[in-house]
Amino acid sequence: MQISASGEGRKLNAPDEFLPQGSVGKVVGLIDLGKNNGSNDFGWSGVKTVIDFEGDAYVLDFPEHTRLVTDDGLELVQTDAGDVGGWWPDSGDMQRYGLRWIELTN
């Protein structure tokens, strides 16, 4: 299984750099930014999606567009996922989708 996602994103190792609008990357893991928006350079909190886009890791605030492709080629696409549906970062999906926890380094 493979998950792709896009949305408002910031580069993991340089939070001042934004993901180009409309860019889609492969979901590679999740990151826990804690409970306080002020405790990190992203200004976000909670568990967030980490994608690989052109070799760089980006943290997505909320996945806006997601695509899940199963091993047998079935594609499930969700636009403007938000709270409505689609794939959402969940630690229960780590093993199922081959994701890993990404560490926040300062």
PDB file of N, CA and C in Angstrom:
ATOM      1  N   MET A   1       0.836  -1.179   0.000  1.00  0.00           N
ATOM      2  CA  MET A   1       0.000   0.000   0.000  1.00  0.00           C
ATOM      3  C   MET A   1       0.878   1.238   0.000  1.00  0.00           C
ATOM      4  N   GLN A   2       0.380   2.241  -0.651  1.00  0.00           N
ATOM      5  CA  GLN A   2       1.106   3.492  -0.703  1.00  0.00           C
ATOM      6  C   GLN A   2       0.106   4.641  -0.568  1.00  0.00           C
ATOM      7  N   ILE A   3       0.498   5.657   0.200  1.00  0.00           N
ATOM      8  CA  ILE A   3      -0.357   6.820   0.395  1.00  0.00           C
ATOM      9  C   ILE A   3       0.377   8.041  -0.132  1.00  0.00           C
ATOM     10  N   SER A   4      -0.323   8.855  -0.902  1.00  0.00           N
ATOM     11  CA  SER A   4       0.199  10.144  -1.343  1.00  0.00           C
ATOM     12  C   SER A   4      -0.696  11.225  -0.774  1.00  0.00           C
ATOM     13  N   ALA A   5      -0.115  12.386  -0.493  1.00  0.00           N
ATOM     14  CA  ALA A   5      -0.900  13.469   0.089  1.00  0.00           C
ATOM     15  C   ALA A   5      -0.321  14.818  -0.294  1.00  0.00           C
ATOM     16  N   SER A   6      -1.172  15.832  -0.212  1.00  0.00           N
ATOM     17  CA  SER A   6      -0.740  17.211  -0.407  1.00  0.00           C
ATOM     18  C   SER A   6      -1.478  18.079   0.599  1.00  0.00           C
ATOM     19  N   GLY A   7      -1.055  19.306   0.712  1.00  0.00           N
ATOM     20  CA  GLY A   7      -1.678  20.242   1.638  1.00  0.00           C
ATOM     21  C   GLY A   7      -0.676  21.303   2.029  1.00  0.00           C
ATOM     22  N   GLU A   8      -1.021  22.079   3.058  1.00  0.00           N
ATOM     23  CA  GLU A   8      -0.084  23.082   3.547  1.00  0.00           C
ATOM     24  C   GLU A   8       1.074  22.361   4.214  1.00  0.00           C
ATOM     25  N   GLY A   9       2.274  22.558   3.689  1.00  0.00           N
ATOM     26  CA  GLY A   9       3.431  21.852   4.219  1.00  0.00           C
ATOM     27  C   GLY A   9       4.626  22.756   4.404  1.00  0.00           C
ATOM     28  N   ARG A  10       5.469  22.354   5.346  1.00  0.00           N
ATOM     29  CA  ARG A  10       6.724  23.058   5.610  1.00  0.00           C
ATOM     30  C   ARG A  10       7.844  22.040   5.652  1.00  0.00           C
ATOM     31  N   LYS A  11       9.003  22.439   5.153  1.00  0.00           N
ATOM     32  CA  LYS A  11      10.145  21.530   5.107  1.00  0.00           C
ATOM     33  C   LYS A  11      10.550  21.137   6.528  1.00  0.00           C
ATOM     34  N   LEU A  12      10.778  19.845   6.735  1.00  0.00           N
ATOM     35  CA  LEU A  12      11.091  19.323   8.064  1.00  0.00           C
ATOM     36  C   LEU A  12      12.316  19.988   8.669  1.00  0.00           C
ATOM     37  N   ASN A  13      13.397  20.108   7.900  1.00  0.00           N
ATOM     38  CA  ASN A  13      14.630  20.658   8.466  1.00  0.00           C
ATOM     39  C   ASN A  13      14.773  22.165   8.252  1.00  0.00           C
ATOM     40  N   ALA A  14      13.734  22.797   7.673  1.00  0.00           N
ATOM     41  CA  ALA A  14      13.742  24.259   7.459  1.00  0.00           C
ATOM     42  C   ALA A  14      12.287  24.735   7.422  1.00  0.00           C
ATOM     43  N   PRO A  15      11.625  24.829   8.585  1.00  0.00           N
ATOM     44  CA  PRO A  15      10.191  25.143   8.631  1.00  0.00           C
ATOM     45  C   PRO A  15       9.787  26.456   7.969  1.00  0.00           C
ATOM     46  N   ASP A  16      10.745  27.327   7.665  1.00  0.00           N
ATOM     47  CA  ASP A  16      10.410  28.573   6.970  1.00  0.00           C
ATOM     48  C   ASP A  16      10.206  28.364   5.470  1.00  0.00           C
ATOM     49  N   GLU A  17      10.554  27.164   4.969  1.00  0.00           N
ATOM     50  CA  GLU A  17      10.381  26.843   3.555  1.00  0.00           C
ATOM     51  C   GLU A  17       9.093  26.041   3.374  1.00  0.00           C
ATOM     52  N   PHE A  18       8.243  26.516   2.472  1.00  0.00           N
ATOM     53  CA  PHE A  18       6.937  25.907   2.272  1.00  0.00           C
ATOM     54  C   PHE A  18       6.934  24.926   1.103  1.00  0.00           C
ATOM     55  N   LEU A  19       6.077  23.919   1.202  1.00  0.00           N
ATOM     56  CA  LEU A  19       5.838  22.989   0.111  1.00  0.00           C
ATOM     57  C   LEU A  19       5.154  23.766  -1.006  1.00  0.00           C
ATOM     58  N   PRO A  20       5.654  23.655  -2.248  1.00  0.00           N
ATOM     59  CA  PRO A  20       4.976  24.353  -3.344  1.00  0.00           C
ATOM     60  C   PRO A  20       3.501  23.939  -3.422  1.00  0.00           C
ATOM     61  N   GLN A  21       2.631  24.924  -3.570  1.00  0.00           N
ATOM     62  CA  GLN A  21       1.191  24.669  -3.582  1.00  0.00           C
ATOM     63  C   GLN A  21       0.828  23.650  -4.653  1.00  0.00           C
ATOM     64  N   GLY A  22      -0.006  22.683  -4.288  1.00  0.00           N
ATOM     65  CA  GLY A  22      -0.450  21.652  -5.214  1.00  0.00           C
ATOM     66  C   GLY A  22       0.490  20.474  -5.349  1.00  0.00           C
ATOM     67  N   SER A  23       1.640  20.525  -4.675  1.00  0.00           N
ATOM     68  CA  SER A  23       2.610  19.430  -4.757  1.00  0.00           C
ATOM     69  C   SER A  23       2.111  18.213  -3.990  1.00  0.00           C
ATOM     70  N   VAL A  24       2.324  17.036  -4.563  1.00  0.00           N
ATOM     71  CA  VAL A  24       1.908  15.779  -3.950  1.00  0.00           C
ATOM     72  C   VAL A  24       3.150  14.952  -3.670  1.00  0.00           C
ATOM     73  N   GLY A  25       3.230  14.395  -2.458  1.00  0.00           N
ATOM     74  CA  GLY A  25       4.365  13.560  -2.099  1.00  0.00           C
ATOM     75  C   GLY A  25       3.917  12.250  -1.484  1.00  0.00           C
ATOM     76  N   LYS A  26       4.836  11.318  -1.407  1.00  0.00           N
ATOM     77  CA  LYS A  26       4.562  10.016  -0.790  1.00  0.00           C
ATOM     78  C   LYS A  26       4.624  10.158   0.721  1.00  0.00           C
ATOM     79  N   VAL A  27       3.598   9.668   1.417  1.00  0.00           N
ATOM     80  CA  VAL A  27       3.594   9.681   2.878  1.00  0.00           C
ATOM     81  C   VAL A  27       4.624   8.665   3.369  1.00  0.00           C
ATOM     82  N   VAL A  28       5.594   9.142   4.177  1.00  0.00           N
ATOM     83  CA  VAL A  28       6.655   8.270   4.667  1.00  0.00           C
ATOM     84  C   VAL A  28       6.595   8.057   6.175  1.00  0.00           C
ATOM     85  N   GLY A  29       5.856   8.892   6.874  1.00  0.00           N
ATOM     86  CA  GLY A  29       5.795   8.725   8.317  1.00  0.00           C
ATOM     87  C   GLY A  29       4.920   9.763   8.983  1.00  0.00           C
ATOM     88  N   LEU A  30       4.956   9.698  10.302  1.00  0.00           N
ATOM     89  CA  LEU A  30       4.216  10.625  11.138  1.00  0.00           C
ATOM     90  C   LEU A  30       5.183  11.278  12.105  1.00  0.00           C
ATOM     91  N   ILE A  31       4.830  12.478  12.546  1.00  0.00           N
ATOM     92  CA  ILE A  31       5.638  13.193  13.525  1.00  0.00           C
ATOM     93  C   ILE A  31       4.704  13.749  14.591  1.00  0.00           C
ATOM     94  N   ASP A  32       5.105  13.644  15.842  1.00  0.00           N
ATOM     95  CA  ASP A  32       4.313  14.188  16.942  1.00  0.00           C
ATOM     96  C   ASP A  32       4.912  15.527  17.342  1.00  0.00           C
ATOM     97  N   LEU A  33       4.178  16.599  17.087  1.00  0.00           N
ATOM     98  CA  LEU A  33       4.663  17.949  17.395  1.00  0.00           C
ATOM     99  C   LEU A  33       4.249  18.421  18.782  1.00  0.00           C
ATOM    100  N   GLY A  34       3.705  17.532  19.595  1.00  0.00           N
ATOM    101  CA  GLY A  34       3.342  17.885  20.966  1.00  0.00           C
ATOM    102  C   GLY A  34       1.989  18.566  21.051  1.00  0.00           C
ATOM    103  N   LYS A  35       1.708  19.100  22.232  1.00  0.00           N
ATOM    104  CA  LYS A  35       0.388  19.674  22.488  1.00  0.00           C
ATOM    105  C   LYS A  35       0.358  21.189  22.457  1.00  0.00           C
ATOM    106  N   ASN A  36       1.515  21.810  22.259  1.00  0.00           N
ATOM    107  CA  ASN A  36       1.598  23.264  22.317  1.00  0.00           C
ATOM    108  C   ASN A  36       2.130  23.801  20.994  1.00  0.00           C
ATOM    109  N   ASN A  37       1.337  24.616  20.316  1.00  0.00           N
ATOM    110  CA  ASN A  37       1.761  25.175  19.024  1.00  0.00           C
ATOM    111  C   ASN A  37       3.066  25.956  19.134  1.00  0.00           C
ATOM    112  N   GLY A  38       3.346  26.520  20.288  1.00  0.00           N
ATOM    113  CA  GLY A  38       4.551  27.324  20.454  1.00  0.00           C
ATOM    114  C   GLY A  38       5.798  26.533  20.783  1.00  0.00           C
ATOM    115  N   SER A  39       5.682  25.209  20.878  1.00  0.00           N
ATOM    116  CA  SER A  39       6.838  24.409  21.300  1.00  0.00           C
ATOM    117  C   SER A  39       7.730  23.967  20.143  1.00  0.00           C
ATOM    118  N   ASN A  40       7.412  24.398  18.912  1.00  0.00           N
ATOM    119  CA  ASN A  40       8.233  24.020  17.762  1.00  0.00           C
ATOM    120  C   ASN A  40       8.209  25.139  16.730  1.00  0.00           C
ATOM    121  N   ASP A  41       9.107  25.055  15.757  1.00  0.00           N
ATOM    122  CA  ASP A  41       9.233  26.100  14.733  1.00  0.00           C
ATOM    123  C   ASP A  41       8.110  26.081  13.700  1.00  0.00           C
ATOM    124  N   PHE A  42       7.295  25.035  13.710  1.00  0.00           N
ATOM    125  CA  PHE A  42       6.191  24.951  12.757  1.00  0.00           C
ATOM    126  C   PHE A  42       4.987  25.767  13.228  1.00  0.00           C
ATOM    127  N   GLY A  43       4.836  25.929  14.528  1.00  0.00           N
ATOM    128  CA  GLY A  43       3.659  26.595  15.068  1.00  0.00           C
ATOM    129  C   GLY A  43       2.436  25.704  15.049  1.00  0.00           C
ATOM    130  N   TRP A  44       2.655  24.390  14.950  1.00  0.00           N
ATOM    131  CA  TRP A  44       1.566  23.413  14.897  1.00  0.00           C
ATOM    132  C   TRP A  44       1.700  22.448  16.066  1.00  0.00           C
ATOM    133  N   SER A  45       0.639  21.722  16.344  1.00  0.00           N
ATOM    134  CA  SER A  45       0.680  20.711  17.401  1.00  0.00           C
ATOM    135  C   SER A  45      -0.031  19.453  16.913  1.00  0.00           C
ATOM    136  N   GLY A  46       0.166  18.365  17.645  1.00  0.00           N
ATOM    137  CA  GLY A  46      -0.477  17.105  17.328  1.00  0.00           C
ATOM    138  C   GLY A  46       0.339  16.238  16.393  1.00  0.00           C
ATOM    139  N   VAL A  47      -0.242  15.109  16.015  1.00  0.00           N
ATOM    140  CA  VAL A  47       0.406  14.170  15.082  1.00  0.00           C
ATOM    141  C   VAL A  47       0.155  14.665  13.667  1.00  0.00           C
ATOM    142  N   LYS A  48       1.223  14.802  12.911  1.00  0.00           N
ATOM    143  CA  LYS A  48       1.144  15.313  11.545  1.00  0.00           C
ATOM    144  C   LYS A  48       1.748  14.307  10.569  1.00  0.00           C
ATOM    145  N   THR A  49       1.370  14.442   9.319  1.00  0.00           N
ATOM    146  CA  THR A  49       1.868  13.612   8.226  1.00  0.00           C
ATOM    147  C   THR A  49       3.205  14.152   7.726  1.00  0.00           C
ATOM    148  N   VAL A  50       4.135  13.257   7.429  1.00  0.00           N
ATOM    149  CA  VAL A  50       5.405  13.639   6.800  1.00  0.00           C
ATOM    150  C   VAL A  50       5.426  13.001   5.410  1.00  0.00           C
ATOM    151  N   ILE A  51       5.674  13.841   4.395  1.00  0.00           N
ATOM    152  CA  ILE A  51       5.747  13.333   3.026  1.00  0.00           C
ATOM    153  C   ILE A  51       7.145  13.552   2.464  1.00  0.00           C
ATOM    154  N   ASP A  52       7.487  12.749   1.473  1.00  0.00           N
ATOM    155  CA  ASP A  52       8.709  12.951   0.700  1.00  0.00           C
ATOM    156  C   ASP A  52       8.292  13.593  -0.615  1.00  0.00           C
ATOM    157  N   PHE A  53       8.838  14.779  -0.878  1.00  0.00           N
ATOM    158  CA  PHE A  53       8.586  15.461  -2.134  1.00  0.00           C
ATOM    159  C   PHE A  53       9.923  15.854  -2.734  1.00  0.00           C
ATOM    160  N   GLU A  54      10.251  15.257  -3.856  1.00  0.00           N
ATOM    161  CA  GLU A  54      11.509  15.512  -4.563  1.00  0.00           C
ATOM    162  C   GLU A  54      12.728  15.378  -3.649  1.00  0.00           C
ATOM    163  N   GLY A  55      12.709  14.339  -2.793  1.00  0.00           N
ATOM    164  CA  GLY A  55      13.852  14.032  -1.940  1.00  0.00           C
ATOM    165  C   GLY A  55      13.922  14.789  -0.631  1.00  0.00           C
ATOM    166  N   ASP A  56      12.985  15.697  -0.381  1.00  0.00           N
ATOM    167  CA  ASP A  56      12.957  16.438   0.875  1.00  0.00           C
ATOM    168  C   ASP A  56      11.727  16.046   1.680  1.00  0.00           C
ATOM    169  N   ALA A  57      11.874  16.035   3.005  1.00  0.00           N
ATOM    170  CA  ALA A  57      10.759  15.717   3.890  1.00  0.00           C
ATOM    171  C   ALA A  57      10.005  16.990   4.243  1.00  0.00           C
ATOM    172  N   TYR A  58       8.681  16.919   4.118  1.00  0.00           N
ATOM    173  CA  TYR A  58       7.799  18.032   4.467  1.00  0.00           C
ATOM    174  C   TYR A  58       6.755  17.554   5.462  1.00  0.00           C
ATOM    175  N   VAL A  59       6.426  18.417   6.418  1.00  0.00           N
ATOM    176  CA  VAL A  59       5.377  18.146   7.396  1.00  0.00           C
ATOM    177  C   VAL A  59       4.111  18.824   6.892  1.00  0.00           C
ATOM    178  N   LEU A  60       3.000  18.068   6.822  1.00  0.00           N
ATOM    179  CA  LEU A  60       1.719  18.636   6.408  1.00  0.00           C
ATOM    180  C   LEU A  60       0.896  18.959   7.643  1.00  0.00           C
ATOM    181  N   ASP A  61       0.320  20.158   7.666  1.00  0.00           N
ATOM    182  CA  ASP A  61      -0.561  20.511   8.778  1.00  0.00           C
ATOM    183  C   ASP A  61      -1.813  19.650   8.727  1.00  0.00           C
ATOM    184  N   PHE A  62      -2.534  19.697   7.624  1.00  0.00           N
ATOM    185  CA  PHE A  62      -3.696  18.841   7.402  1.00  0.00           C
ATOM    186  C   PHE A  62      -3.653  18.353   5.957  1.00  0.00           C
ATOM    187  N   PRO A  63      -3.730  17.035   5.727  1.00  0.00           N
ATOM    188  CA  PRO A  63      -3.760  16.552   4.342  1.00  0.00           C
ATOM    189  C   PRO A  63      -5.037  17.025   3.655  1.00  0.00           C
ATOM    190  N   GLU A  64      -4.905  17.788   2.561  1.00  0.00           N
ATOM    191  CA  GLU A  64      -6.075  18.278   1.833  1.00  0.00           C
ATOM    192  C   GLU A  64      -6.509  17.299   0.757  1.00  0.00           C
ATOM    193  N   HIS A  65      -5.557  16.683   0.104  1.00  0.00           N
ATOM    194  CA  HIS A  65      -5.842  15.724  -0.959  1.00  0.00           C
ATOM    195  C   HIS A  65      -5.039  14.461  -0.646  1.00  0.00           C
ATOM    196  N   THR A  66      -5.687  13.325  -0.660  1.00  0.00           N
ATOM    197  CA  THR A  66      -4.990  12.076  -0.396  1.00  0.00           C
ATOM    198  C   THR A  66      -5.328  11.053  -1.477  1.00  0.00           C
ATOM    199  N   ARG A  67      -4.379  10.150  -1.707  1.00  0.00           N
ATOM    200  CA  ARG A  67      -4.590   9.047  -2.634  1.00  0.00           C
ATOM    201  C   ARG A  67      -3.972   7.809  -2.017  1.00  0.00           C
ATOM    202  N   LEU A  68      -4.755   6.780  -1.872  1.00  0.00           N
ATOM    203  CA  LEU A  68      -4.277   5.514  -1.332  1.00  0.00           C
ATOM    204  C   LEU A  68      -4.310   4.495  -2.459  1.00  0.00           C
ATOM    205  N   VAL A  69      -3.185   3.835  -2.713  1.00  0.00           N
ATOM    206  CA  VAL A  69      -3.103   2.818  -3.755  1.00  0.00           C
ATOM    207  C   VAL A  69      -2.801   1.488  -3.079  1.00  0.00           C
ATOM    208  N   THR A  70      -3.678   0.523  -3.277  1.00  0.00           N
ATOM    209  CA  THR A  70      -3.479  -0.790  -2.673  1.00  0.00           C
ATOM    210  C   THR A  70      -2.481  -1.592  -3.497  1.00  0.00           C
ATOM    211  N   ASP A  71      -2.012  -2.692  -2.935  1.00  0.00           N
ATOM    212  CA  ASP A  71      -1.035  -3.539  -3.613  1.00  0.00           C
ATOM    213  C   ASP A  71      -1.563  -4.112  -4.925  1.00  0.00           C
ATOM    214  N   ASP A  72      -2.891  -4.256  -5.032  1.00  0.00           N
ATOM    215  CA  ASP A  72      -3.454  -4.792  -6.275  1.00  0.00           C
ATOM    216  C   ASP A  72      -3.896  -3.692  -7.243  1.00  0.00           C
ATOM    217  N   GLY A  73      -3.492  -2.442  -6.988  1.00  0.00           N
ATOM    218  CA  GLY A  73      -3.713  -1.361  -7.933  1.00  0.00           C
ATOM    219  C   GLY A  73      -4.974  -0.539  -7.738  1.00  0.00           C
ATOM    220  N   LEU A  74      -5.792  -0.850  -6.736  1.00  0.00           N
ATOM    221  CA  LEU A  74      -6.997  -0.066  -6.469  1.00  0.00           C
ATOM    222  C   LEU A  74      -6.605   1.299  -5.916  1.00  0.00           C
ATOM    223  N   GLU A  75      -7.179   2.361  -6.488  1.00  0.00           N
ATOM    224  CA  GLU A  75      -6.878   3.710  -6.023  1.00  0.00           C
ATOM    225  C   GLU A  75      -8.105   4.326  -5.362  1.00  0.00           C
ATOM    226  N   LEU A  76      -7.892   4.899  -4.184  1.00  0.00           N
ATOM    227  CA  LEU A  76      -8.934   5.632  -3.476  1.00  0.00           C
ATOM    228  C   LEU A  76      -8.456   7.068  -3.346  1.00  0.00           C
ATOM    229  N   VAL A  77      -9.221   8.006  -3.884  1.00  0.00           N
ATOM    230  CA  VAL A  77      -8.812   9.403  -3.903  1.00  0.00           C
ATOM    231  C   VAL A  77      -9.803  10.217  -3.103  1.00  0.00           C
ATOM    232  N   GLN A  78      -9.288  11.146  -2.295  1.00  0.00           N
ATOM    233  CA  GLN A  78     -10.126  12.056  -1.504  1.00  0.00           C
ATOM    234  C   GLN A  78      -9.621  13.469  -1.732  1.00  0.00           C
ATOM    235  N   THR A  79     -10.503  14.374  -2.103  1.00  0.00           N
ATOM    236  CA  THR A  79     -10.156  15.769  -2.289  1.00  0.00           C
ATOM    237  C   THR A  79     -10.726  16.572  -1.142  1.00  0.00           C
ATOM    238  N   ASP A  80      -9.959  17.542  -0.664  1.00  0.00           N
ATOM    239  CA  ASP A  80     -10.376  18.371   0.471  1.00  0.00           C
ATOM    240  C   ASP A  80     -10.793  17.494   1.646  1.00  0.00           C
ATOM    241  N   ALA A  81      -9.920  16.550   1.997  1.00  0.00           N
ATOM    242  CA  ALA A  81     -10.236  15.560   3.030  1.00  0.00           C
ATOM    243  C   ALA A  81     -10.665  16.214   4.337  1.00  0.00           C
ATOM    244  N   GLY A  82      -9.833  17.111   4.865  1.00  0.00           N
ATOM    245  CA  GLY A  82     -10.178  17.781   6.118  1.00  0.00           C
ATOM    246  C   GLY A  82     -10.798  16.836   7.118  1.00  0.00           C
ATOM    247  N   ASP A  83     -11.910  17.248   7.693  1.00  0.00           N
ATOM    248  CA  ASP A  83     -12.610  16.419   8.671  1.00  0.00           C
ATOM    249  C   ASP A  83     -13.645  15.506   8.029  1.00  0.00           C
ATOM    250  N   VAL A  84     -13.793  15.589   6.705  1.00  0.00           N
ATOM    251  CA  VAL A  84     -14.863  14.871   6.029  1.00  0.00           C
ATOM    252  C   VAL A  84     -14.538  13.407   5.819  1.00  0.00           C
ATOM    253  N   GLY A  85     -13.336  13.097   5.443  1.00  0.00           N
ATOM    254  CA  GLY A  85     -12.997  11.706   5.162  1.00  0.00           C
ATOM    255  C   GLY A  85     -11.613  11.604   4.578  1.00  0.00           C
ATOM    256  N   GLY A  86     -11.370  10.516   3.862  1.00  0.00           N
ATOM    257  CA  GLY A  86     -10.045  10.318   3.305  1.00  0.00           C
ATOM    258  C   GLY A  86      -9.101   9.788   4.367  1.00  0.00           C
ATOM    259  N   TRP A  87      -7.857   9.627   3.981  1.00  0.00           N
ATOM    260  CA  TRP A  87      -6.862   9.132   4.923  1.00  0.00           C
ATOM    261  C   TRP A  87      -6.446  10.246   5.870  1.00  0.00           C
ATOM    262  N   TRP A  88      -6.263   9.908   7.115  1.00  0.00           N
ATOM    263  CA  TRP A  88      -5.862  10.866   8.141  1.00  0.00           C
ATOM    264  C   TRP A  88      -4.744  10.241   8.953  1.00  0.00           C
ATOM    265  N   PRO A  89      -3.741  11.023   9.379  1.00  0.00           N
ATOM    266  CA  PRO A  89      -2.630  10.417  10.120  1.00  0.00           C
ATOM    267  C   PRO A  89      -3.109   9.743  11.411  1.00  0.00           C
ATOM    268  N   ASP A  90      -2.782   8.481  11.539  1.00  0.00           N
ATOM    269  CA  ASP A  90      -3.204   7.690  12.686  1.00  0.00           C
ATOM    270  C   ASP A  90      -2.080   6.711  13.018  1.00  0.00           C
ATOM    271  N   SER A  91      -1.652   6.701  14.266  1.00  0.00           N
ATOM    272  CA  SER A  91      -0.545   5.818  14.654  1.00  0.00           C
ATOM    273  C   SER A  91      -0.881   4.344  14.428  1.00  0.00           C
ATOM    274  N   GLY A  92      -2.160   4.002  14.369  1.00  0.00           N
ATOM    275  CA  GLY A  92      -2.565   2.626  14.100  1.00  0.00           C
ATOM    276  C   GLY A  92      -2.223   2.182  12.684  1.00  0.00           C
ATOM    277  N   ASP A  93      -1.946   3.135  11.794  1.00  0.00           N
ATOM    278  CA  ASP A  93      -1.626   2.819  10.405  1.00  0.00           C
ATOM    279  C   ASP A  93      -0.140   2.612  10.163  1.00  0.00           C
ATOM    280  N   MET A  94       0.672   2.796  11.172  1.00  0.00           N
ATOM    281  CA  MET A  94       2.123   2.758  10.995  1.00  0.00           C
ATOM    282  C   MET A  94       2.582   1.474  10.297  1.00  0.00           C
ATOM    283  N   GLN A  95       2.272   0.344  10.866  1.00  0.00           N
ATOM    284  CA  GLN A  95       2.732  -0.924  10.301  1.00  0.00           C
ATOM    285  C   GLN A  95       1.975  -1.259   9.017  1.00  0.00           C
ATOM    286  N   ARG A  96       0.689  -1.020   9.007  1.00  0.00           N
ATOM    287  CA  ARG A  96      -0.144  -1.360   7.849  1.00  0.00           C
ATOM    288  C   ARG A  96       0.372  -0.715   6.567  1.00  0.00           C
ATOM    289  N   TYR A  97       0.814   0.542   6.640  1.00  0.00           N
ATOM    290  CA  TYR A  97       1.257   1.261   5.456  1.00  0.00           C
ATOM    291  C   TYR A  97       2.767   1.440   5.388  1.00  0.00           C
ATOM    292  N   GLY A  98       3.494   0.794   6.268  1.00  0.00           N
ATOM    293  CA  GLY A  98       4.954   0.880   6.244  1.00  0.00           C
ATOM    294  C   GLY A  98       5.487   2.259   6.611  1.00  0.00           C
ATOM    295  N   LEU A  99       4.789   2.947   7.513  1.00  0.00           N
ATOM    296  CA  LEU A  99       5.215   4.269   7.946  1.00  0.00           C
ATOM    297  C   LEU A  99       6.142   4.174   9.143  1.00  0.00           C
ATOM    298  N   ARG A 100       6.808   5.272   9.457  1.00  0.00           N
ATOM    299  CA  ARG A 100       7.689   5.298  10.631  1.00  0.00           C
ATOM    300  C   ARG A 100       7.496   6.611  11.360  1.00  0.00           C
ATOM    301  N   TRP A 101       7.888   6.624  12.623  1.00  0.00           N
ATOM    302  CA  TRP A 101       7.880   7.860  13.399  1.00  0.00           C
ATOM    303  C   TRP A 101       9.087   8.677  12.994  1.00  0.00           C
ATOM    304  N   ILE A 102       8.867   9.932  12.694  1.00  0.00           N
ATOM    305  CA  ILE A 102       9.933  10.859  12.336  1.00  0.00           C
ATOM    306  C   ILE A 102      10.248  11.689  13.558  1.00  0.00           C
ATOM    307  N   GLU A 103      11.531  11.822  13.870  1.00  0.00           N
ATOM    308  CA  GLU A 103      11.962  12.609  15.027  1.00  0.00           C
ATOM    309  C   GLU A 103      12.145  14.059  14.646  1.00  0.00           C
ATOM    310  N   LEU A 104      11.711  14.956  15.496  1.00  0.00           N
ATOM    311  CA  LEU A 104      11.902  16.373  15.308  1.00  0.00           C
ATOM    312  C   LEU A 104      13.254  16.742  15.897  1.00  0.00           C
ATOM    313  N   THR A 105      14.150  17.238  15.051  1.00  0.00           N
ATOM    314  CA  THR A 105      15.470  17.648  15.520  1.00  0.00           C
ATOM    315  C   THR A 105      15.608  19.157  15.370  1.00  0.00           C
ATOM    316  N   ASN A 106      16.225  19.772  16.341  1.00  0.00           N
ATOM    317  CA  ASN A 106      16.415  21.233  16.280  1.00  0.00           C
ATOM    318  C   ASN A 106      17.821  21.576  15.948  1.00  0.00           C
TER     319      ASN A 106
END
